[in-house]
């Protein structure tokens, strides 16, 4: 049995996974967020760790096994979130600055974008770790005796009692400090951001034995670390989109680590060392539907959205550009603001809800169209992938078949798969044979006229 940990922004999910990547037990523990100022988002690193312990205990209870029956632990985590702690005491010197935090936006505008993009594959943005780390260090009395890590490194430090300070290539590639070509920290970028190399974790492959850790009184091999989206891609293979609060589209590109196409970023993939992926990050996907419910009272629960969307034949010319926190890939327009376009006296809430769901598909299309090559099939996970209307509309808009994963916790499955490979339980070819789908949708309707209307609305939001 393998324990898979998915430490996310709003909570930690743990799965107990057996042969064939079958889930034997599940556990979940929520974590909190604080917003001390507009645009600032922070978490308590100690709460992140305690949530792992709580979720792991719940998963083991659900599986009805003892912790000593586990063979290994694999960890996937929210990426970019930045933690700095004191090596001697193990105490954080500042709260974790979450990936959503925008406090360093002005600093990012000053950075040499072309040079950073050529080295890291990333577009300078507060989203990534480097400027967060620079901000924390600029307020520290000294950098002596400090350690930096993303959430994976922090959890590994806790598990190993401070004996191991490491990360994996997939997480390291999201810091804006890693040279994608060498898969090592860039001395030039460390100098640019004022980061001593002594603060940084060792960079290792995703599926490897990181060390022996203590969890719930047992000593267990920590056999995998991976960023959440790369772990999900490893479980899916090929090309995938996670449709949640936001959306992430990743396509595996093998050994190609050339500069990414405009509007996308290049990232290190989890699994086979020296492999990469193209990625597009969509800031608002399911959150648009949540806003219609929580902010405007149009629906009591997001689960209602499918029935509401199906109750009308179309959105009746209404387009919703959900730039509620700016626009991500491929536009990278942090100052864009949301737009609902095409409203008439005949517009009802059903049209607005349908337009919000359609906007998720349009945004995924924009990312896929920015790729150098279109995938043959797009595999889906995330909460919004349970919406049958959205899945079919996405297949139509993309003009591609889409498949929905049978297990919605695909990120955790990816962590388990990586750990299983590391301890010799199975091979990558075995992982492919374990994949199961709950639905497959083929394109049925030409939506090109609707896509043209979306692009018109999008241009207005970008004015």
Protein backbone atom coordinates (compact mmCIF):
# COMPACT_ATOMS: atom_id res chain seq x y z
CA UNK A 1 0.00 0.00 0.00
CA UNK A 2 1.14 3.52 -0.80
CA UNK A 3 0.03 6.72 0.92
CA UNK A 4 -0.52 9.52 -1.59
CA UNK A 5 -0.57 13.07 -0.23
CA UNK A 6 -2.07 15.96 -2.20
CA UNK A 7 -1.43 19.12 -0.19
CA UNK A 8 -3.57 21.79 -1.86
CA UNK A 9 -4.46 25.42 -1.34
CA UNK A 10 -7.67 24.85 0.59
CA UNK A 11 -6.98 21.41 2.07
CA UNK A 12 -5.01 18.19 2.07
CA UNK A 13 -6.29 14.96 0.54
CA UNK A 14 -4.67 11.62 1.31
CA UNK A 15 -5.35 8.35 -0.48
CA UNK A 16 -4.32 4.83 0.45
CA UNK A 17 -3.57 3.22 -2.90
CA UNK A 18 -3.13 -0.46 -3.67
CA UNK A 19 -2.26 -2.55 -6.71
CA UNK A 20 -3.54 -1.20 -10.01
CA UNK A 21 -3.77 2.27 -8.43
CA UNK A 22 -7.03 1.25 -6.80
CA UNK A 23 -8.08 3.57 -3.96
CA UNK A 24 -8.59 1.75 -0.67
CA UNK A 25 -9.08 4.72 1.64
CA UNK A 26 -9.52 8.50 1.61
CA UNK A 27 -8.96 11.29 4.08
CA UNK A 28 -9.26 15.07 3.94
CA UNK A 29 -8.35 17.99 6.19
CA UNK A 30 -9.08 21.64 5.37
CA UNK A 31 -6.51 24.43 5.69
CA UNK A 32 -7.12 28.13 6.09
CA UNK A 33 -6.04 31.21 4.15
CA UNK A 34 -5.52 34.74 5.39
CA UNK A 35 -5.55 37.96 3.35
CA UNK A 36 -3.87 40.58 5.55
CA UNK A 37 -3.95 43.16 2.76
CA UNK A 38 -5.63 43.34 -0.66
CA UNK A 39 -3.75 41.05 -3.02
CA UNK A 40 -1.87 39.29 -0.20
CA UNK A 41 -2.58 35.60 0.48
CA UNK A 42 -0.86 33.71 3.29
CA UNK A 43 -1.02 30.38 5.14
CA UNK A 44 0.44 28.97 8.33
CA UNK A 45 3.12 26.41 7.33
CA UNK A 46 2.54 24.50 10.57
CA UNK A 47 -1.14 24.08 9.65
CA UNK A 48 -0.12 22.67 6.26
CA UNK A 49 1.92 20.01 8.04
CA UNK A 50 -0.74 19.20 10.64
CA UNK A 51 -3.32 18.84 7.86
CA UNK A 52 -1.16 16.11 6.30
CA UNK A 53 -1.09 14.21 9.58
CA UNK A 54 -4.86 14.54 10.01
CA UNK A 55 -5.73 13.56 6.44
CA UNK A 56 -3.30 10.61 6.53
CA UNK A 57 -4.84 9.30 9.75
CA UNK A 58 -8.33 9.59 8.24
CA UNK A 59 -7.27 7.76 5.05
CA UNK A 60 -5.72 4.91 7.04
CA UNK A 61 -8.86 4.60 9.16
CA UNK A 62 -11.00 4.56 6.03
CA UNK A 63 -8.79 1.85 4.49
CA UNK A 64 -8.79 -0.09 7.76
CA UNK A 65 -5.04 -0.58 7.76
CA UNK A 66 -2.23 0.36 10.14
CA UNK A 67 0.41 2.91 9.19
CA UNK A 68 3.05 0.18 9.44
CA UNK A 69 1.39 -1.60 6.48
CA UNK A 70 2.35 1.26 4.13
CA UNK A 71 5.25 0.67 1.75
CA UNK A 72 5.97 4.26 0.76
CA UNK A 73 4.70 7.85 0.71
CA UNK A 74 4.32 10.03 -2.39
CA UNK A 75 3.65 13.77 -2.12
CA UNK A 76 2.05 16.20 -4.57
CA UNK A 77 1.59 19.80 -3.55
CA UNK A 78 0.35 23.28 -4.38
CA UNK A 79 3.18 24.83 -6.34
CA UNK A 80 5.06 28.15 -6.03
CA UNK A 81 3.88 28.78 -2.44
CA UNK A 82 6.97 30.07 -0.65
CA UNK A 83 8.15 29.12 2.85
CA UNK A 84 11.28 30.31 4.66
CA UNK A 85 12.25 28.77 7.97
CA UNK A 86 15.06 28.68 10.52
CA UNK A 87 17.19 25.56 10.14
CA UNK A 88 18.03 25.32 13.84
CA UNK A 89 14.54 25.69 15.29
CA UNK A 90 12.53 24.51 12.28
CA UNK A 91 10.20 27.48 12.81
CA UNK A 92 8.93 29.57 9.87
CA UNK A 93 10.27 33.12 9.84
CA UNK A 94 7.20 34.37 7.95
CA UNK A 95 3.85 32.87 6.92
CA UNK A 96 3.77 30.89 3.68
CA UNK A 97 3.18 33.28 0.77
CA UNK A 98 0.64 31.48 -1.41
CA UNK A 99 0.88 31.19 -5.19
CA UNK A 100 -2.18 33.46 -5.53
CA UNK A 101 -0.40 36.35 -3.78
CA UNK A 102 0.14 39.49 -5.92
CA UNK A 103 2.24 41.68 -3.61
CA UNK A 104 5.29 41.57 -5.91
CA UNK A 105 3.47 42.63 -9.10
CA UNK A 106 5.37 45.90 -9.37
CA UNK A 107 8.71 44.13 -8.96
CA UNK A 108 7.80 41.71 -11.75
CA UNK A 109 7.21 44.61 -14.14
CA UNK A 110 10.86 45.67 -13.64
CA UNK A 111 12.38 42.27 -14.43
CA UNK A 112 14.19 41.33 -17.67
CA UNK A 113 11.38 39.19 -19.06
CA UNK A 114 13.12 37.84 -22.17
CA UNK A 115 16.19 36.67 -20.24
CA UNK A 116 14.14 35.03 -17.49
CA UNK A 117 11.88 33.33 -20.03
CA UNK A 118 14.86 31.97 -21.99
CA UNK A 119 16.40 30.49 -18.83
CA UNK A 120 13.38 29.29 -16.86
CA UNK A 121 10.59 28.91 -19.43
CA UNK A 122 8.45 31.19 -17.25
CA UNK A 123 6.97 34.65 -17.69
CA UNK A 124 7.88 36.99 -14.79
CA UNK A 125 4.81 37.06 -12.57
CA UNK A 126 4.08 37.22 -8.82
CA UNK A 127 2.62 33.73 -9.26
CA UNK A 128 6.12 32.19 -9.15
CA UNK A 129 8.35 31.89 -6.07
CA UNK A 130 11.39 34.05 -6.81
CA UNK A 131 9.95 37.48 -6.05
CA UNK A 132 8.09 36.12 -3.01
CA UNK A 133 11.38 34.79 -1.64
CA UNK A 134 13.15 38.06 -2.45
CA UNK A 135 10.42 39.93 -0.56
CA UNK A 136 10.79 37.76 2.56
CA UNK A 137 14.60 37.93 2.54
CA UNK A 138 14.47 41.69 2.16
CA UNK A 139 12.71 41.87 5.52
CA UNK A 140 14.87 39.31 7.36
CA UNK A 141 17.58 40.51 9.73
CA UNK A 142 19.97 37.95 8.24
CA UNK A 143 19.88 35.09 5.75
CA UNK A 144 22.30 33.02 7.82
CA UNK A 145 20.78 29.76 9.00
CA UNK A 146 17.64 30.07 6.89
CA UNK A 147 16.13 27.53 4.52
CA UNK A 148 13.76 28.10 1.61
CA UNK A 149 11.38 25.63 0.09
CA UNK A 150 8.10 25.20 -1.67
CA UNK A 151 5.49 23.14 0.17
CA UNK A 152 7.06 19.81 -0.84
CA UNK A 153 10.39 20.77 0.73
CA UNK A 154 8.69 21.96 3.91
CA UNK A 155 6.74 18.70 4.28
CA UNK A 156 9.87 16.64 3.56
CA UNK A 157 11.74 18.62 6.24
CA UNK A 158 8.96 17.87 8.73
CA UNK A 159 8.84 14.19 7.85
CA UNK A 160 12.60 13.70 8.10
CA UNK A 161 13.09 15.84 11.20
CA UNK A 162 15.21 18.31 9.26
CA UNK A 163 17.64 15.70 7.96
CA UNK A 164 16.68 16.22 4.30
CA UNK A 165 16.33 19.55 2.51
CA UNK A 166 15.34 18.72 -1.07
CA UNK A 167 12.82 19.34 -3.79
CA UNK A 168 12.04 17.75 -7.13
CA UNK A 169 12.53 19.15 -10.62
CA UNK A 170 8.82 19.83 -11.20
CA UNK A 171 8.51 22.06 -8.13
CA UNK A 172 11.91 23.66 -8.65
CA UNK A 173 10.94 24.63 -12.18
CA UNK A 174 8.11 26.79 -10.77
CA UNK A 175 10.36 28.97 -8.62
CA UNK A 176 11.72 31.13 -11.49
CA UNK A 177 15.19 30.28 -10.18
CA UNK A 178 15.88 27.02 -12.06
CA UNK A 179 17.71 26.78 -15.36
CA UNK A 180 15.48 24.46 -17.41
CA UNK A 181 18.41 23.33 -19.54
CA UNK A 182 20.65 22.20 -16.69
CA UNK A 183 17.89 21.48 -14.15
CA UNK A 184 20.06 23.26 -11.58
CA UNK A 185 19.72 26.61 -9.83
CA UNK A 186 20.77 29.52 -12.02
CA UNK A 187 23.62 31.57 -10.51
CA UNK A 188 22.55 34.57 -12.58
CA UNK A 189 19.00 34.47 -11.24
CA UNK A 190 20.16 33.87 -7.68
CA UNK A 191 22.22 37.05 -7.99
CA UNK A 192 19.32 38.95 -9.55
CA UNK A 193 17.00 38.11 -6.67
CA UNK A 194 19.62 38.21 -3.91
CA UNK A 195 19.21 34.57 -2.93
CA UNK A 196 22.20 32.76 -1.39
CA UNK A 197 22.54 29.23 -2.78
CA UNK A 198 22.90 27.96 0.80
CA UNK A 199 19.17 28.61 1.36
CA UNK A 200 18.07 26.32 -1.46
CA UNK A 201 17.04 22.66 -1.41
CA UNK A 202 18.81 19.98 -3.43
CA UNK A 203 17.05 19.32 -6.75
CA UNK A 204 16.28 15.64 -7.40
CA UNK A 205 14.13 13.58 -9.80
CA UNK A 206 10.46 13.30 -8.85
CA UNK A 207 10.44 9.52 -8.36
CA UNK A 208 13.35 8.71 -6.08
CA UNK A 209 13.99 7.81 -2.46
CA UNK A 210 14.24 11.20 -0.74
CA UNK A 211 14.76 9.70 2.71
CA UNK A 212 13.12 7.89 5.58
CA UNK A 213 10.38 9.87 7.28
CA UNK A 214 8.36 9.63 10.47
CA UNK A 215 4.59 9.73 10.05
CA UNK A 216 2.06 8.83 12.73
CA UNK A 217 4.71 6.88 14.64
CA UNK A 218 6.02 4.81 11.72
CA UNK A 219 9.21 5.09 9.65
CA UNK A 220 8.36 5.17 5.93
CA UNK A 221 10.25 5.79 2.67
CA UNK A 222 9.42 9.16 1.10
CA UNK A 223 9.56 8.01 -2.52
CA UNK A 224 8.11 10.86 -4.60
CA UNK A 225 7.68 14.62 -4.68
CA UNK A 226 5.90 16.47 -7.49
CA UNK A 227 4.02 19.66 -8.17
CA UNK A 228 0.30 19.01 -8.26
CA UNK A 229 -0.23 19.70 -11.96
CA UNK A 230 2.78 17.64 -13.05
CA UNK A 231 1.63 14.78 -10.82
CA UNK A 232 -1.76 14.91 -12.51
CA UNK A 233 -0.11 14.90 -15.95
CA UNK A 234 1.94 11.85 -14.94
CA UNK A 235 -1.26 10.00 -14.04
CA UNK A 236 -3.03 11.04 -17.25
CA UNK A 237 -0.18 10.95 -19.77
CA UNK A 238 -0.13 13.00 -22.97
CA UNK A 239 -2.33 16.05 -22.46
CA UNK A 240 -4.62 16.98 -19.60
CA UNK A 241 -6.75 19.78 -18.24
CA UNK A 242 -7.63 20.13 -14.59
CA UNK A 243 -10.91 22.03 -14.29
CA UNK A 244 -11.32 23.38 -10.79
CA UNK A 245 -11.49 26.85 -9.28
CA UNK A 246 -8.97 27.72 -11.97
CA UNK A 247 -7.84 25.50 -14.81
CA UNK A 248 -4.47 24.12 -15.85
CA UNK A 249 -3.71 22.67 -19.26
CA UNK A 250 -0.49 20.65 -19.62
CA UNK A 251 0.88 18.83 -22.66
CA UNK A 252 3.94 16.59 -22.41
CA UNK A 253 6.75 17.58 -24.80
CA UNK A 254 9.39 14.93 -24.09
CA UNK A 255 12.95 16.27 -24.03
CA UNK A 256 12.04 19.59 -25.70
CA UNK A 257 12.87 22.47 -23.35
CA UNK A 258 13.04 25.21 -25.98
CA UNK A 259 11.48 28.60 -25.34
CA UNK A 260 7.70 28.18 -25.02
CA UNK A 261 5.22 29.67 -27.50
CA UNK A 262 3.84 33.10 -26.67
CA UNK A 263 1.42 33.03 -23.77
CA UNK A 264 2.49 29.64 -22.38
CA UNK A 265 5.20 28.52 -19.98
CA UNK A 266 7.57 25.58 -20.17
CA UNK A 267 7.92 23.44 -17.07
CA UNK A 268 9.79 20.33 -15.97
CA UNK A 269 7.59 17.25 -16.01
CA UNK A 270 7.42 14.72 -13.19
CA UNK A 271 8.67 11.20 -13.78
CA UNK A 272 11.37 10.52 -16.33
CA UNK A 273 14.28 12.90 -15.70
CA UNK A 274 14.89 15.44 -18.44
CA UNK A 275 11.30 15.57 -19.71
CA UNK A 276 9.19 18.70 -20.00
CA UNK A 277 5.69 20.03 -20.59
CA UNK A 278 3.97 23.12 -21.93
CA UNK A 279 1.50 24.68 -19.53
CA UNK A 280 -1.27 27.23 -19.62
CA UNK A 281 -2.75 28.53 -16.38
CA UNK A 282 -6.32 29.86 -16.35
CA UNK A 283 -6.99 31.91 -13.25
CA UNK A 284 -10.79 31.65 -13.12
CA UNK A 285 -12.76 28.61 -14.28
CA UNK A 286 -15.22 27.04 -11.82
CA UNK A 287 -14.73 30.14 -9.66
CA UNK A 288 -16.87 32.05 -12.17
CA UNK A 289 -19.82 29.77 -11.45
CA UNK A 290 -19.12 30.03 -7.71
CA UNK A 291 -19.18 33.83 -8.03
CA UNK A 292 -22.57 33.75 -9.75
CA UNK A 293 -23.84 31.77 -6.78
CA UNK A 294 -22.02 33.34 -3.83
CA UNK A 295 -21.77 36.87 -5.18
CA UNK A 296 -25.01 37.28 -7.10
CA UNK A 297 -27.22 34.57 -5.60
CA UNK A 298 -28.07 33.02 -8.98
CA UNK A 299 -27.67 29.42 -7.82
CA UNK A 300 -27.49 27.71 -4.45
CA UNK A 301 -24.78 25.24 -5.46
CA UNK A 302 -22.44 24.91 -8.41
CA UNK A 303 -23.89 21.44 -9.04
CA UNK A 304 -27.07 23.17 -10.25
CA UNK A 305 -25.20 24.74 -13.16
CA UNK A 306 -25.51 21.77 -15.51
CA UNK A 307 -29.30 21.60 -15.31
CA UNK A 308 -29.59 25.38 -15.66
CA UNK A 309 -27.30 25.41 -18.72
CA UNK A 310 -29.25 22.60 -20.38
CA UNK A 311 -32.59 24.33 -19.72
CA UNK A 312 -31.90 26.89 -22.49
CA UNK A 313 -30.88 26.22 -26.08
CA UNK A 314 -27.98 28.68 -25.99
CA UNK A 315 -26.52 31.53 -23.96
CA UNK A 316 -28.59 33.82 -26.23
CA UNK A 317 -25.59 35.87 -27.31
CA UNK A 318 -24.28 36.39 -23.77
CA UNK A 319 -20.53 36.01 -23.17
CA UNK A 320 -18.86 36.05 -19.76
CA UNK A 321 -15.14 36.89 -19.75
CA UNK A 322 -14.26 35.87 -16.17
CA UNK A 323 -11.24 38.12 -15.63
CA UNK A 324 -12.07 38.38 -11.94
CA UNK A 325 -8.36 38.33 -11.04
CA UNK A 326 -6.97 39.29 -14.43
CA UNK A 327 -6.39 36.85 -17.27
CA UNK A 328 -3.75 34.12 -17.29
CA UNK A 329 -2.54 32.10 -20.27
CA UNK A 330 -2.23 32.87 -23.07
CA UNK A 331 -3.01 36.55 -22.46
CA UNK A 332 -1.13 37.27 -19.21
CA UNK A 333 -3.17 40.42 -18.59
CA UNK A 334 -3.19 40.96 -14.80
CA UNK A 335 -5.05 44.27 -15.16
CA UNK A 336 -7.92 42.87 -17.26
CA UNK A 337 -11.31 42.98 -15.58
CA UNK A 338 -14.35 40.75 -15.93
CA UNK A 339 -16.97 41.42 -18.57
CA UNK A 340 -20.49 40.13 -19.21
CA UNK A 341 -21.34 41.07 -22.79
CA UNK A 342 -24.51 40.74 -24.86
CA UNK A 343 -27.17 41.21 -22.17
CA UNK A 344 -30.69 42.10 -23.36
CA UNK A 345 -34.13 42.36 -21.74
CA UNK A 346 -34.51 38.67 -22.51
CA UNK A 347 -31.41 37.57 -20.61
CA UNK A 348 -32.14 35.23 -17.69
CA UNK A 349 -29.95 33.63 -15.04
CA UNK A 350 -29.87 30.41 -17.07
CA UNK A 351 -28.12 32.28 -19.89
CA UNK A 352 -25.56 33.74 -17.50
CA UNK A 353 -24.83 30.37 -15.91
CA UNK A 354 -24.47 28.76 -19.32
CA UNK A 355 -22.17 31.59 -20.43
CA UNK A 356 -19.97 31.01 -17.36
CA UNK A 357 -19.61 27.31 -18.20
CA UNK A 358 -18.96 28.07 -21.85
CA UNK A 359 -16.24 30.53 -20.80
CA UNK A 360 -14.31 27.67 -19.18
CA UNK A 361 -14.27 25.85 -22.52
CA UNK A 362 -13.30 28.95 -24.48
CA UNK A 363 -10.37 29.63 -22.16
CA UNK A 364 -9.11 26.05 -22.51
CA UNK A 365 -9.42 26.44 -26.30
CA UNK A 366 -7.27 29.59 -26.19
CA UNK A 367 -4.53 27.68 -24.37
CA UNK A 368 -4.70 24.64 -26.65
CA UNK A 369 -4.57 26.88 -29.74
CA UNK A 370 -1.38 28.45 -28.37
CA UNK A 371 0.34 25.04 -28.28
CA UNK A 372 2.80 24.19 -31.05
CA UNK A 373 0.88 20.96 -31.70
CA UNK A 374 -2.68 20.05 -30.83
CA UNK A 375 -3.10 16.88 -28.77
CA UNK A 376 -5.06 13.95 -30.14
CA UNK A 377 -7.21 13.71 -27.01
CA UNK A 378 -7.53 15.87 -23.90
CA UNK A 379 -7.99 14.09 -20.56
CA UNK A 380 -9.90 15.89 -17.80
CA UNK A 381 -10.01 15.90 -14.03
CA UNK A 382 -11.14 18.35 -11.37
CA UNK A 383 -14.54 19.16 -9.92
CA UNK A 384 -15.91 20.88 -13.02
CA UNK A 385 -15.16 17.78 -15.11
CA UNK A 386 -18.25 16.22 -13.50
CA UNK A 387 -20.41 18.69 -15.44
CA UNK A 388 -21.64 16.77 -18.49
CA UNK A 389 -22.75 19.89 -20.36
CA UNK A 390 -19.30 21.47 -19.99
CA UNK A 391 -17.46 18.32 -21.08
CA UNK A 392 -19.49 17.98 -24.30
CA UNK A 393 -19.26 21.71 -25.04
CA UNK A 394 -15.49 21.52 -24.53
CA UNK A 395 -15.22 18.64 -27.01
CA UNK A 396 -17.24 20.68 -29.53
CA UNK A 397 -15.22 23.87 -29.06
CA UNK A 398 -11.86 22.07 -29.23
CA UNK A 399 -13.00 19.79 -32.04
CA UNK A 400 -11.21 17.05 -30.10
CA UNK A 401 -12.31 14.01 -28.12
CA UNK A 402 -12.13 14.56 -24.36
CA UNK A 403 -12.01 11.91 -21.65
CA UNK A 404 -12.94 12.29 -17.99
CA UNK A 405 -10.87 10.40 -15.44
CA UNK A 406 -12.82 7.87 -13.39
CA UNK A 407 -10.93 8.93 -10.24
CA UNK A 408 -11.31 12.65 -9.60
CA UNK A 409 -8.28 12.75 -7.25
CA UNK A 410 -5.90 12.32 -10.17
CA UNK A 411 -3.20 14.49 -8.59
CA UNK A 412 -2.95 12.14 -5.61
CA UNK A 413 -2.96 9.14 -7.96
CA UNK A 414 -0.01 10.68 -9.78
CA UNK A 415 1.88 10.99 -6.50
CA UNK A 416 1.12 7.35 -5.73
CA UNK A 417 2.18 6.25 -9.22
CA UNK A 418 5.51 8.08 -8.92
CA UNK A 419 6.18 6.56 -5.50
CA UNK A 420 5.30 3.09 -6.80
CA UNK A 421 7.75 3.47 -9.67
CA UNK A 422 10.46 4.66 -7.26
CA UNK A 423 10.13 1.58 -5.02
CA UNK A 424 9.82 -0.83 -7.96
CA UNK A 425 6.14 -1.63 -7.50
CA UNK A 426 5.33 -0.92 -11.14
CA UNK A 427 6.67 0.69 -14.34
CA UNK A 428 5.45 3.69 -16.33
CA UNK A 429 3.93 1.27 -18.86
CA UNK A 430 1.95 -0.25 -16.01
CA UNK A 431 0.65 3.22 -15.09
CA UNK A 432 -0.76 3.63 -18.59
CA UNK A 433 -2.65 0.35 -18.26
CA UNK A 434 -4.17 1.49 -14.95
CA UNK A 435 -5.88 4.55 -16.46
CA UNK A 436 -9.67 4.45 -16.30
CA UNK A 437 -12.22 6.87 -17.73
CA UNK A 438 -15.78 7.57 -16.66
CA UNK A 439 -16.83 9.34 -19.86
CA UNK A 440 -15.61 10.13 -23.36
CA UNK A 441 -17.15 12.84 -25.53
CA UNK A 442 -16.57 13.25 -29.25
CA UNK A 443 -17.18 16.56 -31.05
CA UNK A 444 -20.81 16.78 -32.16
CA UNK A 445 -21.56 20.41 -33.10
CA UNK A 446 -19.67 23.11 -34.98
CA UNK A 447 -19.14 25.94 -32.48
CA UNK A 448 -16.89 28.15 -34.64
CA UNK A 449 -19.42 31.02 -34.78
CA UNK A 450 -19.65 31.02 -30.98
CA UNK A 451 -15.85 31.02 -30.71
CA UNK A 452 -15.72 34.12 -32.94
CA UNK A 453 -18.15 35.83 -30.55
CA UNK A 454 -15.96 34.87 -27.60
CA UNK A 455 -12.92 36.44 -29.21
CA UNK A 456 -14.90 39.65 -29.80
CA UNK A 457 -15.91 39.76 -26.11
CA UNK A 458 -12.35 38.98 -25.08
CA UNK A 459 -10.99 41.90 -27.07
CA UNK A 460 -13.38 44.20 -25.22
CA UNK A 461 -12.18 42.90 -21.84
CA UNK A 462 -8.58 43.57 -22.85
CA UNK A 463 -9.17 47.20 -23.90
